[in-house]
Protein backbone atom coordinates (compact mmCIF):
# COMPACT_ATOMS: atom_id res chain seq x y z
CA MET A 1 33.40 -46.14 25.00
CA ARG A 2 31.78 -45.85 21.59
CA VAL A 3 28.54 -47.36 22.89
CA ARG A 4 28.43 -44.83 25.72
CA LEU A 5 29.10 -41.93 23.27
CA LEU A 6 26.35 -43.16 20.93
CA ALA A 7 23.94 -43.51 23.87
CA CYS A 8 24.68 -39.93 24.98
CA LEU A 9 24.21 -38.58 21.46
CA LEU A 10 20.94 -40.48 21.07
CA ALA A 11 19.68 -39.19 24.44
CA ALA A 12 20.62 -35.61 23.49
CA ALA A 13 18.84 -35.96 20.16
CA LEU A 14 15.69 -37.20 21.88
CA VAL A 15 15.72 -34.35 24.40
CA PHE A 16 16.32 -31.79 21.65
CA SER A 17 13.51 -33.15 19.46
CA ALA A 18 11.08 -33.09 22.41
CA CYS A 19 11.88 -29.41 23.01
CA ASN A 20 11.78 -28.43 19.35
CA PRO A 21 9.24 -30.61 17.57
CA VAL A 22 9.60 -30.71 13.83
CA GLY A 23 6.57 -31.59 11.78
CA PRO A 24 5.75 -31.51 8.14
CA PRO A 25 5.86 -28.06 6.52
CA GLN A 26 2.60 -26.20 6.85
CA ALA A 27 1.05 -24.15 4.05
CA SER A 28 1.37 -20.48 4.84
CA ASP A 29 0.79 -17.14 3.21
CA GLY A 30 3.44 -15.60 5.43
CA MET A 31 6.99 -16.00 6.54
CA GLU A 32 7.87 -16.59 10.20
CA MET A 33 10.71 -14.41 11.39
CA GLU A 34 13.08 -15.10 14.32
CA ASP A 35 11.20 -12.84 16.71
CA GLY A 36 7.94 -14.76 16.18
CA MET A 37 6.46 -12.04 13.97
CA SER A 38 5.24 -12.98 10.53
CA MET A 39 5.63 -11.16 7.26
CA ASP A 40 2.69 -11.37 4.86
CA MET A 41 4.04 -12.41 1.48
CA SER A 42 0.65 -13.16 -0.07
CA GLY A 43 0.07 -9.66 -1.37
CA GLY A 44 -2.84 -7.58 -0.29
CA SER A 45 -5.99 -5.84 -1.31
CA MET A 46 -8.29 -3.01 -0.40
CA PRO A 47 -11.72 -2.07 -1.72
CA ALA A 48 -11.52 0.65 -4.36
CA ASP A 49 -13.99 2.89 -2.52
CA SER A 50 -12.29 2.73 0.86
CA LEU A 51 -10.57 6.14 0.62
CA GLU A 52 -12.48 8.95 2.27
CA PRO A 53 -12.58 12.34 0.46
CA GLN A 54 -9.85 14.61 1.81
CA THR A 55 -9.65 18.36 2.27
CA SER A 56 -6.35 19.89 1.22
CA GLU A 57 -3.92 21.22 3.84
CA ASN A 58 -5.02 24.86 3.47
CA GLY A 59 -8.69 24.04 2.83
CA ARG A 60 -8.72 25.17 -0.82
CA PHE A 61 -9.78 21.84 -2.37
CA THR A 62 -11.73 18.68 -1.56
CA VAL A 63 -10.51 15.60 -3.40
CA SER A 64 -11.97 12.14 -3.95
CA ALA A 65 -9.82 9.28 -5.26
CA VAL A 66 -11.27 5.95 -6.39
CA SER A 67 -9.35 3.09 -7.94
CA ARG A 68 -10.68 1.70 -11.20
CA LEU A 69 -9.39 -1.70 -10.08
CA ASP A 70 -11.67 -3.21 -7.44
CA PRO A 71 -10.27 -4.52 -5.23
CA VAL A 72 -6.85 -2.95 -5.46
CA VAL A 73 -4.28 -5.77 -5.51
CA ILE A 74 -0.52 -6.07 -5.36
CA ASN A 75 1.59 -5.78 -8.54
CA GLU A 76 -1.17 -4.82 -10.96
CA THR A 77 -0.82 -1.47 -12.70
CA HIS A 78 -4.13 0.36 -12.78
CA ALA A 79 -5.82 3.76 -12.97
CA TRP A 80 -7.66 5.91 -10.45
CA SER A 81 -10.36 8.53 -10.92
CA LEU A 82 -9.86 11.82 -9.11
CA HIS A 83 -12.56 14.41 -8.45
CA ILE A 84 -11.50 17.88 -7.30
CA GLU A 85 -13.77 20.63 -5.99
CA THR A 86 -13.12 24.05 -4.49
CA ALA A 87 -13.99 24.69 -0.85
CA ASP A 88 -17.45 25.92 -1.94
CA GLY A 89 -18.15 22.72 -3.91
CA SER A 90 -17.47 23.98 -7.45
CA PRO A 91 -15.66 21.50 -9.73
CA VAL A 92 -12.04 22.40 -10.50
CA THR A 93 -11.82 22.11 -14.28
CA ASP A 94 -8.31 23.41 -14.94
CA ALA A 95 -6.11 21.71 -12.31
CA GLU A 96 -2.48 20.84 -12.75
CA ILE A 97 -1.72 17.88 -10.51
CA ALA A 98 1.69 16.57 -9.41
CA ILE A 99 1.79 13.09 -7.87
CA ASP A 100 4.03 11.86 -5.08
CA GLY A 101 3.80 9.16 -2.45
CA GLY A 102 4.97 5.74 -1.45
CA MET A 103 5.55 3.84 1.78
CA PRO A 104 6.90 6.19 4.47
CA GLU A 105 7.62 3.31 6.87
CA HIS A 106 9.85 1.68 4.24
CA ASN A 107 11.31 4.96 2.99
CA HIS A 108 10.48 4.39 -0.68
CA GLY A 109 8.17 5.84 -3.30
CA PHE A 110 5.86 4.18 -5.78
CA PRO A 111 7.40 1.45 -7.95
CA THR A 112 5.93 3.30 -10.95
CA ALA A 113 5.61 6.95 -11.97
CA PRO A 114 1.86 7.60 -11.72
CA ARG A 115 0.58 10.74 -13.44
CA VAL A 116 -2.63 12.45 -14.46
CA THR A 117 -3.08 11.68 -18.15
CA GLU A 118 -6.47 13.18 -18.88
CA ASN A 119 -8.82 15.93 -17.77
CA LEU A 120 -12.24 14.23 -18.00
CA GLY A 121 -14.17 17.45 -17.35
CA GLU A 122 -16.40 18.61 -14.51
CA GLY A 123 -13.57 18.29 -11.95
CA ASN A 124 -12.69 14.70 -12.91
CA TYR A 125 -9.18 13.52 -13.82
CA LEU A 126 -7.64 10.21 -14.83
CA LEU A 127 -4.60 9.12 -12.80
CA GLU A 128 -2.75 6.29 -14.54
CA GLY A 129 0.25 4.15 -13.62
CA MET A 130 -0.67 3.28 -10.04
CA ARG A 131 0.89 0.08 -8.73
CA PHE A 132 1.70 -1.23 -5.28
CA ASN A 133 4.44 -3.82 -4.84
CA MET A 134 3.61 -4.93 -1.28
CA GLY A 135 1.02 -4.77 1.43
CA GLY A 136 1.31 -2.13 4.12
CA VAL A 137 0.66 1.58 4.69
CA TRP A 138 0.87 3.78 1.57
CA VAL A 139 0.39 7.50 0.99
CA LEU A 140 -0.72 9.30 -2.16
CA THR A 141 0.06 13.02 -2.21
CA LEU A 142 -1.41 15.36 -4.81
CA GLU A 143 -0.04 18.88 -5.31
CA ILE A 144 -2.91 20.73 -6.96
CA SER A 145 -2.63 24.09 -8.75
CA SER A 146 -5.65 25.92 -10.14
CA GLY A 147 -6.68 29.54 -10.61
CA GLY A 148 -3.40 30.84 -9.18
CA GLN A 149 -3.79 28.80 -6.00
CA SER A 150 -1.91 25.69 -4.90
CA ASP A 151 -2.55 23.22 -2.13
CA THR A 152 -1.63 19.68 -1.16
CA VAL A 153 -3.83 16.76 -0.23
CA THR A 154 -2.59 13.43 1.14
CA PHE A 155 -4.40 10.11 1.30
CA GLU A 156 -3.09 7.44 3.66
CA PHE A 157 -4.34 3.88 3.29
CA GLU A 158 -3.36 0.32 4.02
CA LEU A 159 -3.25 -2.62 1.64
CA LYS A 160 -3.88 -5.76 3.66
């Protein structure tokens, strides 16, 4: 009886291993999930100049944003340069800028509290404290006030 039980167990093990081969672990930058999708755990990057200039929601300002870290990488705090112009192309030299953003798909903001720390003149501003803690789609929203007018501009970009 024991021999027959052992034979059945051995046969089952052979059938199971043929259906589900197990090999040595493979090096991977990602994590395989149950549904066959993978999650990239290696971080990400994007070229610093990949953001296109954006016009604010009501057309009052045009804004350029360029990272001073090139390429932008995960978990490294860095600064960005902002350039703000009026609709007619004049530099905005007296802007007050509030920063918001994060990952809408994950329902969280930035892992830091980025803020404009310096007016560099001629419409240029220094945004410090930027950091991204994972790859994916991020948004950076700037609420700009100048000359009694306010408007909002949003950049959407993906760290891969």
